Amino acid sequence: MRVIALKTLRDFWEAHEDAEQALKAWYQEALHSRWAEPNDIKLRYPSADIIRGNRIVFNIKGNTYRLIVKIHYNTGVVYIRFVGTHAEYDKVNAETI
């Protein structure tokens, strides 16, 4: 998969150093994956939430943080839409962000 944009993840882990290794691991795995449908993600990430609009919510660092991505399965592109704490996540609409 092609992940857009690493900068969003980097900016977050610079502010939350404890998230760095978990986000780097997720990024590397996403780069080397070929997710063709949501079930491909659920096989590897059973706790991920599949929501409308081809969005997926991943629990990062033992559910300390949340990552929302939008996936274009046909082109193999993953767009980072949000990464944040639970408190920040509670303030966004995961289906529209």
PDB file of N, CA and C in Angstrom:
ATOM      1  N   MET A   1       0.859  -1.174   0.000  1.00  0.00           N
ATOM      2  CA  MET A   1       0.000   0.000   0.000  1.00  0.00           C
ATOM      3  C   MET A   1       0.908   1.242   0.000  1.00  0.00           C
ATOM      4  N   ARG A   2       0.359   2.306  -0.526  1.00  0.00           N
ATOM      5  CA  ARG A   2       1.040   3.596  -0.482  1.00  0.00           C
ATOM      6  C   ARG A   2       0.363   4.416   0.615  1.00  0.00           C
ATOM      7  N   VAL A   3       1.136   4.936   1.552  1.00  0.00           N
ATOM      8  CA  VAL A   3       0.568   5.650   2.699  1.00  0.00           C
ATOM      9  C   VAL A   3       0.838   7.136   2.545  1.00  0.00           C
ATOM     10  N   ILE A   4      -0.238   7.921   2.613  1.00  0.00           N
ATOM     11  CA  ILE A   4      -0.181   9.377   2.522  1.00  0.00           C
ATOM     12  C   ILE A   4      -0.706   9.920   3.847  1.00  0.00           C
ATOM     13  N   ALA A   5      -0.095  10.544   4.681  1.00  0.00           N
ATOM     14  CA  ALA A   5       1.236  11.095   4.604  1.00  0.00           C
ATOM     15  C   ALA A   5       1.981  10.733   5.892  1.00  0.00           C
ATOM     16  N   LEU A   6       3.190  10.277   5.704  1.00  0.00           N
ATOM     17  CA  LEU A   6       4.050   9.936   6.839  1.00  0.00           C
ATOM     18  C   LEU A   6       4.254  11.137   7.754  1.00  0.00           C
ATOM     19  N   LYS A   7       4.281  12.329   7.192  1.00  0.00           N
ATOM     20  CA  LYS A   7       4.496  13.543   7.988  1.00  0.00           C
ATOM     21  C   LYS A   7       3.473  13.673   9.119  1.00  0.00           C
ATOM     22  N   THR A   8       2.244  13.300   8.859  1.00  0.00           N
ATOM     23  CA  THR A   8       1.205  13.366   9.888  1.00  0.00           C
ATOM     24  C   THR A   8       1.567  12.473  11.066  1.00  0.00           C
ATOM     25  N   LEU A   9       2.029  11.260  10.768  1.00  0.00           N
ATOM     26  CA  LEU A   9       2.447  10.351  11.836  1.00  0.00           C
ATOM     27  C   LEU A   9       3.673  10.890  12.551  1.00  0.00           C
ATOM     28  N   ARG A  10       4.644  11.378  11.785  1.00  0.00           N
ATOM     29  CA  ARG A  10       5.876  11.910  12.375  1.00  0.00           C
ATOM     30  C   ARG A  10       5.584  13.087  13.302  1.00  0.00           C
ATOM     31  N   ASP A  11       4.742  13.987  12.867  1.00  0.00           N
ATOM     32  CA  ASP A  11       4.390  15.135  13.708  1.00  0.00           C
ATOM     33  C   ASP A  11       3.779  14.665  15.026  1.00  0.00           C
ATOM     34  N   PHE A  12       2.972  13.617  14.950  1.00  0.00           N
ATOM     35  CA  PHE A  12       2.331  13.113  16.157  1.00  0.00           C
ATOM     36  C   PHE A  12       3.348  12.477  17.085  1.00  0.00           C
ATOM     37  N   TRP A  13       4.226  11.612  16.562  1.00  0.00           N
ATOM     38  CA  TRP A  13       5.161  10.942  17.462  1.00  0.00           C
ATOM     39  C   TRP A  13       6.228  11.890  17.999  1.00  0.00           C
ATOM     40  N   GLU A  14       6.456  13.003  17.326  1.00  0.00           N
ATOM     41  CA  GLU A  14       7.366  14.006  17.894  1.00  0.00           C
ATOM     42  C   GLU A  14       6.743  14.663  19.115  1.00  0.00           C
ATOM     43  N   ALA A  15       5.438  14.766  19.138  1.00  0.00           N
ATOM     44  CA  ALA A  15       4.733  15.331  20.287  1.00  0.00           C
ATOM     45  C   ALA A  15       4.412  14.276  21.342  1.00  0.00           C
ATOM     46  N   HIS A  16       4.331  13.010  20.928  1.00  0.00           N
ATOM     47  CA  HIS A  16       3.986  11.889  21.811  1.00  0.00           C
ATOM     48  C   HIS A  16       5.014  10.778  21.574  1.00  0.00           C
ATOM     49  N   GLU A  17       6.173  10.925  22.175  1.00  0.00           N
ATOM     50  CA  GLU A  17       7.296  10.021  21.904  1.00  0.00           C
ATOM     51  C   GLU A  17       6.973   8.553  22.160  1.00  0.00           C
ATOM     52  N   ASP A  18       6.066   8.290  23.096  1.00  0.00           N
ATOM     53  CA  ASP A  18       5.727   6.893  23.392  1.00  0.00           C
ATOM     54  C   ASP A  18       4.964   6.219  22.249  1.00  0.00           C
ATOM     55  N   ALA A  19       4.484   6.998  21.291  1.00  0.00           N
ATOM     56  CA  ALA A  19       3.750   6.439  20.151  1.00  0.00           C
ATOM     57  C   ALA A  19       4.665   6.135  18.964  1.00  0.00           C
ATOM     58  N   GLU A  20       5.894   6.587  19.012  1.00  0.00           N
ATOM     59  CA  GLU A  20       6.776   6.491  17.843  1.00  0.00           C
ATOM     60  C   GLU A  20       6.953   5.068  17.332  1.00  0.00           C
ATOM     61  N   GLN A  21       7.344   4.143  18.160  1.00  0.00           N
ATOM     62  CA  GLN A  21       7.621   2.787  17.693  1.00  0.00           C
ATOM     63  C   GLN A  21       6.356   2.099  17.166  1.00  0.00           C
ATOM     64  N   ALA A  22       5.246   2.300  17.843  1.00  0.00           N
ATOM     65  CA  ALA A  22       3.995   1.680  17.395  1.00  0.00           C
ATOM     66  C   ALA A  22       3.551   2.242  16.041  1.00  0.00           C
ATOM     67  N   LEU A  23       3.678   3.546  15.856  1.00  0.00           N
ATOM     68  CA  LEU A  23       3.287   4.148  14.577  1.00  0.00           C
ATOM     69  C   LEU A  23       4.245   3.752  13.459  1.00  0.00           C
ATOM     70  N   LYS A  24       5.533   3.674  13.758  1.00  0.00           N
ATOM     71  CA  LYS A  24       6.498   3.232  12.748  1.00  0.00           C
ATOM     72  C   LYS A  24       6.215   1.785  12.342  1.00  0.00           C
ATOM     73  N   ALA A  25       5.899   0.947  13.309  1.00  0.00           N
ATOM     74  CA  ALA A  25       5.593  -0.457  13.014  1.00  0.00           C
ATOM     75  C   ALA A  25       4.331  -0.556  12.146  1.00  0.00           C
ATOM     76  N   TRP A  26       3.285   0.213  12.504  1.00  0.00           N
ATOM     77  CA  TRP A  26       2.062   0.203  11.695  1.00  0.00           C
ATOM     78  C   TRP A  26       2.370   0.674  10.271  1.00  0.00           C
ATOM     79  N   TYR A  27       3.129   1.746  10.141  1.00  0.00           N
ATOM     80  CA  TYR A  27       3.468   2.306   8.834  1.00  0.00           C
ATOM     81  C   TYR A  27       4.209   1.285   7.973  1.00  0.00           C
ATOM     82  N   GLN A  28       5.202   0.628   8.538  1.00  0.00           N
ATOM     83  CA  GLN A  28       5.969  -0.367   7.780  1.00  0.00           C
ATOM     84  C   GLN A  28       5.082  -1.532   7.340  1.00  0.00           C
ATOM     85  N   GLU A  29       4.220  -1.957   8.228  1.00  0.00           N
ATOM     86  CA  GLU A  29       3.319  -3.056   7.862  1.00  0.00           C
ATOM     87  C   GLU A  29       2.353  -2.633   6.763  1.00  0.00           C
ATOM     88  N   ALA A  30       1.827  -1.428   6.871  1.00  0.00           N
ATOM     89  CA  ALA A  30       0.910  -0.934   5.837  1.00  0.00           C
ATOM     90  C   ALA A  30       1.621  -0.845   4.484  1.00  0.00           C
ATOM     91  N   LEU A  31       2.856  -0.360   4.477  1.00  0.00           N
ATOM     92  CA  LEU A  31       3.610  -0.246   3.228  1.00  0.00           C
ATOM     93  C   LEU A  31       3.769  -1.593   2.530  1.00  0.00           C
ATOM     94  N   HIS A  32       3.961  -2.629   3.308  1.00  0.00           N
ATOM     95  CA  HIS A  32       4.231  -3.944   2.745  1.00  0.00           C
ATOM     96  C   HIS A  32       2.982  -4.823   2.618  1.00  0.00           C
ATOM     97  N   SER A  33       1.825  -4.247   2.842  1.00  0.00           N
ATOM     98  CA  SER A  33       0.569  -4.992   2.741  1.00  0.00           C
ATOM     99  C   SER A  33      -0.098  -4.707   1.409  1.00  0.00           C
ATOM    100  N   ARG A  34      -1.043  -5.560   1.075  1.00  0.00           N
ATOM    101  CA  ARG A  34      -1.906  -5.318  -0.082  1.00  0.00           C
ATOM    102  C   ARG A  34      -3.323  -5.638   0.364  1.00  0.00           C
ATOM    103  N   TRP A  35      -3.947  -4.628   0.973  1.00  0.00           N
ATOM    104  CA  TRP A  35      -5.305  -4.799   1.462  1.00  0.00           C
ATOM    105  C   TRP A  35      -6.269  -4.580   0.305  1.00  0.00           C
ATOM    106  N   ALA A  36      -7.010  -5.598  -0.048  1.00  0.00           N
ATOM    107  CA  ALA A  36      -7.961  -5.511  -1.151  1.00  0.00           C
ATOM    108  C   ALA A  36      -9.378  -5.236  -0.666  1.00  0.00           C
ATOM    109  N   GLU A  37      -9.619  -5.478   0.622  1.00  0.00           N
ATOM    110  CA  GLU A  37     -10.940  -5.273   1.208  1.00  0.00           C
ATOM    111  C   GLU A  37     -10.791  -5.195   2.733  1.00  0.00           C
ATOM    112  N   PRO A  38     -11.817  -4.684   3.414  1.00  0.00           N
ATOM    113  CA  PRO A  38     -11.729  -4.536   4.870  1.00  0.00           C
ATOM    114  C   PRO A  38     -11.410  -5.831   5.615  1.00  0.00           C
ATOM    115  N   ASN A  39     -11.899  -6.959   5.124  1.00  0.00           N
ATOM    116  CA  ASN A  39     -11.622  -8.219   5.809  1.00  0.00           C
ATOM    117  C   ASN A  39     -10.138  -8.552   5.849  1.00  0.00           C
ATOM    118  N   ASP A  40      -9.368  -8.091   4.866  1.00  0.00           N
ATOM    119  CA  ASP A  40      -7.920  -8.299   4.884  1.00  0.00           C
ATOM    120  C   ASP A  40      -7.301  -7.616   6.108  1.00  0.00           C
ATOM    121  N   ILE A  41      -7.834  -6.471   6.452  1.00  0.00           N
ATOM    122  CA  ILE A  41      -7.322  -5.732   7.609  1.00  0.00           C
ATOM    123  C   ILE A  41      -7.763  -6.415   8.902  1.00  0.00           C
ATOM    124  N   LYS A  42      -9.009  -6.845   8.952  1.00  0.00           N
ATOM    125  CA  LYS A  42      -9.526  -7.496  10.167  1.00  0.00           C
ATOM    126  C   LYS A  42      -8.771  -8.789  10.490  1.00  0.00           C
ATOM    127  N   LEU A  43      -8.271  -9.469   9.469  1.00  0.00           N
ATOM    128  CA  LEU A  43      -7.495 -10.683   9.716  1.00  0.00           C
ATOM    129  C   LEU A  43      -6.227 -10.378  10.497  1.00  0.00           C
ATOM    130  N   ARG A  44      -5.592  -9.268  10.202  1.00  0.00           N
ATOM    131  CA  ARG A  44      -4.349  -8.881  10.878  1.00  0.00           C
ATOM    132  C   ARG A  44      -4.599  -8.034  12.117  1.00  0.00           C
ATOM    133  N   TYR A  45      -5.620  -7.209  12.082  1.00  0.00           N
ATOM    134  CA  TYR A  45      -5.951  -6.291  13.180  1.00  0.00           C
ATOM    135  C   TYR A  45      -7.391  -6.536  13.623  1.00  0.00           C
ATOM    136  N   PRO A  46      -7.637  -7.579  14.416  1.00  0.00           N
ATOM    137  CA  PRO A  46      -9.016  -7.896  14.828  1.00  0.00           C
ATOM    138  C   PRO A  46      -9.711  -6.770  15.591  1.00  0.00           C
ATOM    139  N   SER A  47      -8.945  -5.919  16.267  1.00  0.00           N
ATOM    140  CA  SER A  47      -9.565  -4.844  17.044  1.00  0.00           C
ATOM    141  C   SER A  47      -9.842  -3.596  16.215  1.00  0.00           C
ATOM    142  N   ALA A  48      -9.420  -3.574  14.956  1.00  0.00           N
ATOM    143  CA  ALA A  48      -9.689  -2.414  14.100  1.00  0.00           C
ATOM    144  C   ALA A  48     -11.190  -2.311  13.848  1.00  0.00           C
ATOM    145  N   ASP A  49     -11.664  -1.084  13.787  1.00  0.00           N
ATOM    146  CA  ASP A  49     -13.077  -0.837  13.512  1.00  0.00           C
ATOM    147  C   ASP A  49     -13.248  -0.414  12.060  1.00  0.00           C
ATOM    148  N   ILE A  50     -14.095  -1.115  11.356  1.00  0.00           N
ATOM    149  CA  ILE A  50     -14.420  -0.783   9.972  1.00  0.00           C
ATOM    150  C   ILE A  50     -15.628   0.140  10.023  1.00  0.00           C
ATOM    151  N   ILE A  51     -15.492   1.333   9.453  1.00  0.00           N
ATOM    152  CA  ILE A  51     -16.614   2.278   9.469  1.00  0.00           C
ATOM    153  C   ILE A  51     -16.907   2.737   8.045  1.00  0.00           C
ATOM    154  N   ARG A  52     -17.984   3.469   7.897  1.00  0.00           N
ATOM    155  CA  ARG A  52     -18.414   3.926   6.570  1.00  0.00           C
ATOM    156  C   ARG A  52     -17.339   4.738   5.874  1.00  0.00           C
ATOM    157  N   GLY A  53     -17.467   4.790   4.563  1.00  0.00           N
ATOM    158  CA  GLY A  53     -16.571   5.628   3.778  1.00  0.00           C
ATOM    159  C   GLY A  53     -15.179   5.047   3.619  1.00  0.00           C
ATOM    160  N   ASN A  54     -15.071   3.712   3.683  1.00  0.00           N
ATOM    161  CA  ASN A  54     -13.773   3.048   3.566  1.00  0.00           C
ATOM    162  C   ASN A  54     -12.771   3.527   4.607  1.00  0.00           C
ATOM    163  N   ARG A  55     -13.287   3.829   5.791  1.00  0.00           N
ATOM    164  CA  ARG A  55     -12.418   4.267   6.882  1.00  0.00           C
ATOM    165  C   ARG A  55     -12.223   3.128   7.873  1.00  0.00           C
ATOM    166  N   ILE A  56     -11.022   3.122   8.441  1.00  0.00           N
ATOM    167  CA  ILE A  56     -10.652   2.130   9.441  1.00  0.00           C
ATOM    168  C   ILE A  56     -10.095   2.881  10.637  1.00  0.00           C
ATOM    169  N   VAL A  57     -10.483   2.434  11.837  1.00  0.00           N
ATOM    170  CA  VAL A  57      -9.932   2.990  13.069  1.00  0.00           C
ATOM    171  C   VAL A  57      -9.034   1.921  13.691  1.00  0.00           C
ATOM    172  N   PHE A  58      -7.754   2.253  13.820  1.00  0.00           N
ATOM    173  CA  PHE A  58      -6.781   1.357  14.424  1.00  0.00           C
ATOM    174  C   PHE A  58      -6.484   1.807  15.847  1.00  0.00           C
ATOM    175  N   ASN A  59      -6.329   0.860  16.738  1.00  0.00           N
ATOM    176  CA  ASN A  59      -5.856   1.132  18.088  1.00  0.00           C
ATOM    177  C   ASN A  59      -4.336   1.072  18.049  1.00  0.00           C
ATOM    178  N   ILE A  60      -3.707   2.107  18.525  1.00  0.00           N
ATOM    179  CA  ILE A  60      -2.247   2.208  18.492  1.00  0.00           C
ATOM    180  C   ILE A  60      -1.700   2.189  19.914  1.00  0.00           C
ATOM    181  N   LYS A  61      -0.613   1.466  20.078  1.00  0.00           N
ATOM    182  CA  LYS A  61       0.074   1.345  21.365  1.00  0.00           C
ATOM    183  C   LYS A  61      -0.873   0.863  22.455  1.00  0.00           C
ATOM    184  N   GLY A  62      -1.425  -0.318  22.212  1.00  0.00           N
ATOM    185  CA  GLY A  62      -2.294  -0.911  23.220  1.00  0.00           C
ATOM    186  C   GLY A  62      -3.540  -0.107  23.493  1.00  0.00           C
ATOM    187  N   ASN A  63      -4.070   0.538  22.455  1.00  0.00           N
ATOM    188  CA  ASN A  63      -5.289   1.340  22.551  1.00  0.00           C
ATOM    189  C   ASN A  63      -5.081   2.654  23.296  1.00  0.00           C
ATOM    190  N   THR A  64      -3.835   3.112  23.397  1.00  0.00           N
ATOM    191  CA  THR A  64      -3.545   4.415  23.990  1.00  0.00           C
ATOM    192  C   THR A  64      -3.920   5.532  23.023  1.00  0.00           C
ATOM    193  N   TYR A  65      -3.716   5.273  21.740  1.00  0.00           N
ATOM    194  CA  TYR A  65      -3.984   6.262  20.692  1.00  0.00           C
ATOM    195  C   TYR A  65      -4.882   5.651  19.626  1.00  0.00           C
ATOM    196  N   ARG A  66      -5.464   6.528  18.817  1.00  0.00           N
ATOM    197  CA  ARG A  66      -6.324   6.097  17.716  1.00  0.00           C
ATOM    198  C   ARG A  66      -5.788   6.662  16.409  1.00  0.00           C
ATOM    199  N   LEU A  67      -5.876   5.838  15.381  1.00  0.00           N
ATOM    200  CA  LEU A  67      -5.462   6.219  14.035  1.00  0.00           C
ATOM    201  C   LEU A  67      -6.629   5.936  13.102  1.00  0.00           C
ATOM    202  N   ILE A  68      -7.043   6.967  12.363  1.00  0.00           N
ATOM    203  CA  ILE A  68      -8.119   6.805  11.375  1.00  0.00           C
ATOM    204  C   ILE A  68      -7.495   6.947   9.992  1.00  0.00           C
ATOM    205  N   VAL A  69      -7.766   5.981   9.146  1.00  0.00           N
ATOM    206  CA  VAL A  69      -7.305   6.053   7.766  1.00  0.00           C
ATOM    207  C   VAL A  69      -8.483   5.869   6.827  1.00  0.00           C
ATOM    208  N   LYS A  70      -8.317   6.381   5.631  1.00  0.00           N
ATOM    209  CA  LYS A  70      -9.277   6.142   4.562  1.00  0.00           C
ATOM    210  C   LYS A  70      -8.511   5.386   3.488  1.00  0.00           C
ATOM    211  N   ILE A  71      -9.083   4.292   3.018  1.00  0.00           N
ATOM    212  CA  ILE A  71      -8.385   3.438   2.076  1.00  0.00           C
ATOM    213  C   ILE A  71      -9.104   3.415   0.734  1.00  0.00           C
ATOM    214  N   HIS A  72      -8.331   3.617  -0.305  1.00  0.00           N
ATOM    215  CA  HIS A  72      -8.815   3.417  -1.667  1.00  0.00           C
ATOM    216  C   HIS A  72      -8.261   2.059  -2.089  1.00  0.00           C
ATOM    217  N   TYR A  73      -9.064   1.037  -1.904  1.00  0.00           N
ATOM    218  CA  TYR A  73      -8.617  -0.329  -2.148  1.00  0.00           C
ATOM    219  C   TYR A  73      -8.205  -0.552  -3.605  1.00  0.00           C
ATOM    220  N   ASN A  74      -8.924   0.056  -4.535  1.00  0.00           N
ATOM    221  CA  ASN A  74      -8.639  -0.178  -5.957  1.00  0.00           C
ATOM    222  C   ASN A  74      -7.291   0.397  -6.391  1.00  0.00           C
ATOM    223  N   THR A  75      -6.820   1.447  -5.741  1.00  0.00           N
ATOM    224  CA  THR A  75      -5.532   2.045  -6.099  1.00  0.00           C
ATOM    225  C   THR A  75      -4.431   1.713  -5.099  1.00  0.00           C
ATOM    226  N   GLY A  76      -4.793   1.100  -3.987  1.00  0.00           N
ATOM    227  CA  GLY A  76      -3.790   0.737  -2.991  1.00  0.00           C
ATOM    228  C   GLY A  76      -3.230   1.914  -2.216  1.00  0.00           C
ATOM    229  N   VAL A  77      -4.065   2.917  -1.986  1.00  0.00           N
ATOM    230  CA  VAL A  77      -3.611   4.112  -1.276  1.00  0.00           C
ATOM    231  C   VAL A  77      -4.326   4.219   0.066  1.00  0.00           C
ATOM    232  N   VAL A  78      -3.531   4.471   1.111  1.00  0.00           N
ATOM    233  CA  VAL A  78      -4.043   4.672   2.469  1.00  0.00           C
ATOM    234  C   VAL A  78      -3.794   6.133   2.828  1.00  0.00           C
ATOM    235  N   TYR A  79      -4.857   6.844   3.159  1.00  0.00           N
ATOM    236  CA  TYR A  79      -4.744   8.254   3.549  1.00  0.00           C
ATOM    237  C   TYR A  79      -4.882   8.352   5.062  1.00  0.00           C
ATOM    238  N   ILE A  80      -3.887   8.920   5.709  1.00  0.00           N
ATOM    239  CA  ILE A  80      -3.974   9.174   7.141  1.00  0.00           C
ATOM    240  C   ILE A  80      -4.934  10.339   7.328  1.00  0.00           C
ATOM    241  N   ARG A  81      -6.020  10.105   8.050  1.00  0.00           N
ATOM    242  CA  ARG A  81      -7.017  11.158   8.269  1.00  0.00           C
ATOM    243  C   ARG A  81      -6.912  11.760   9.659  1.00  0.00           C
ATOM    244  N   PHE A  82      -6.432  10.953  10.632  1.00  0.00           N
ATOM    245  CA  PHE A  82      -6.377  11.433  12.014  1.00  0.00           C
ATOM    246  C   PHE A  82      -5.482  10.509  12.819  1.00  0.00           C
ATOM    247  N   VAL A  83      -4.731  11.071  13.727  1.00  0.00           N
ATOM    248  CA  VAL A  83      -4.045  10.303  14.760  1.00  0.00           C
ATOM    249  C   VAL A  83      -4.102  11.158  16.019  1.00  0.00           C
ATOM    250  N   GLY A  84      -4.504  10.528  17.122  1.00  0.00           N
ATOM    251  CA  GLY A  84      -4.642  11.315  18.339  1.00  0.00           C
ATOM    252  C   GLY A  84      -4.945  10.464  19.555  1.00  0.00           C
ATOM    253  N   THR A  85      -5.108  11.160  20.655  1.00  0.00           N
ATOM    254  CA  THR A  85      -5.460  10.520  21.917  1.00  0.00           C
ATOM    255  C   THR A  85      -6.946  10.163  21.891  1.00  0.00           C
ATOM    256  N   HIS A  86      -7.371   9.418  22.883  1.00  0.00           N
ATOM    257  CA  HIS A  86      -8.798   9.092  22.966  1.00  0.00           C
ATOM    258  C   HIS A  86      -9.636  10.358  23.140  1.00  0.00           C
ATOM    259  N   ALA A  87      -9.155  11.286  23.943  1.00  0.00           N
ATOM    260  CA  ALA A  87      -9.901  12.531  24.155  1.00  0.00           C
ATOM    261  C   ALA A  87     -10.050  13.296  22.842  1.00  0.00           C
ATOM    262  N   GLU A  88      -8.996  13.346  22.050  1.00  0.00           N
ATOM    263  CA  GLU A  88      -9.069  14.020  20.746  1.00  0.00           C
ATOM    264  C   GLU A  88      -9.975  13.254  19.792  1.00  0.00           C
ATOM    265  N   TYR A  89      -9.871  11.937  19.818  1.00  0.00           N
ATOM    266  CA  TYR A  89     -10.716  11.088  18.970  1.00  0.00           C
ATOM    267  C   TYR A  89     -12.194  11.306  19.272  1.00  0.00           C
ATOM    268  N   ASP A  90     -12.533  11.473  20.522  1.00  0.00           N
ATOM    269  CA  ASP A  90     -13.926  11.677  20.919  1.00  0.00           C
ATOM    270  C   ASP A  90     -14.514  12.968  20.357  1.00  0.00           C
ATOM    271  N   LYS A  91     -13.662  13.883  19.912  1.00  0.00           N
ATOM    272  CA  LYS A  91     -14.132  15.175  19.400  1.00  0.00           C
ATOM    273  C   LYS A  91     -14.281  15.205  17.880  1.00  0.00           C
ATOM    274  N   VAL A  92     -13.912  14.107  17.193  1.00  0.00           N
ATOM    275  CA  VAL A  92     -14.011  14.087  15.731  1.00  0.00           C
ATOM    276  C   VAL A  92     -15.071  13.094  15.277  1.00  0.00           C
ATOM    277  N   ASN A  93     -15.536  13.286  14.079  1.00  0.00           N
ATOM    278  CA  ASN A  93     -16.452  12.335  13.464  1.00  0.00           C
ATOM    279  C   ASN A  93     -15.619  11.450  12.540  1.00  0.00           C
ATOM    280  N   ALA A  94     -15.383  10.226  12.960  1.00  0.00           N
ATOM    281  CA  ALA A  94     -14.507   9.320  12.218  1.00  0.00           C
ATOM    282  C   ALA A  94     -15.008   9.037  10.811  1.00  0.00           C
ATOM    283  N   GLU A  95     -16.298   9.190  10.577  1.00  0.00           N
ATOM    284  CA  GLU A  95     -16.854   8.914   9.257  1.00  0.00           C
ATOM    285  C   GLU A  95     -16.665  10.042   8.270  1.00  0.00           C
ATOM    286  N   THR A  96     -16.316  11.237   8.751  1.00  0.00           N
ATOM    287  CA  THR A  96     -16.197  12.373   7.843  1.00  0.00           C
ATOM    288  C   THR A  96     -14.831  13.044   7.869  1.00  0.00           C
ATOM    289  N   ILE A  97     -14.018  12.736   8.854  1.00  0.00           N
ATOM    290  CA  ILE A  97     -12.719  13.399   8.951  1.00  0.00           C
ATOM    291  C   ILE A  97     -11.816  13.015   7.809  1.00  0.00           C
TER     292      ILE A  97
END
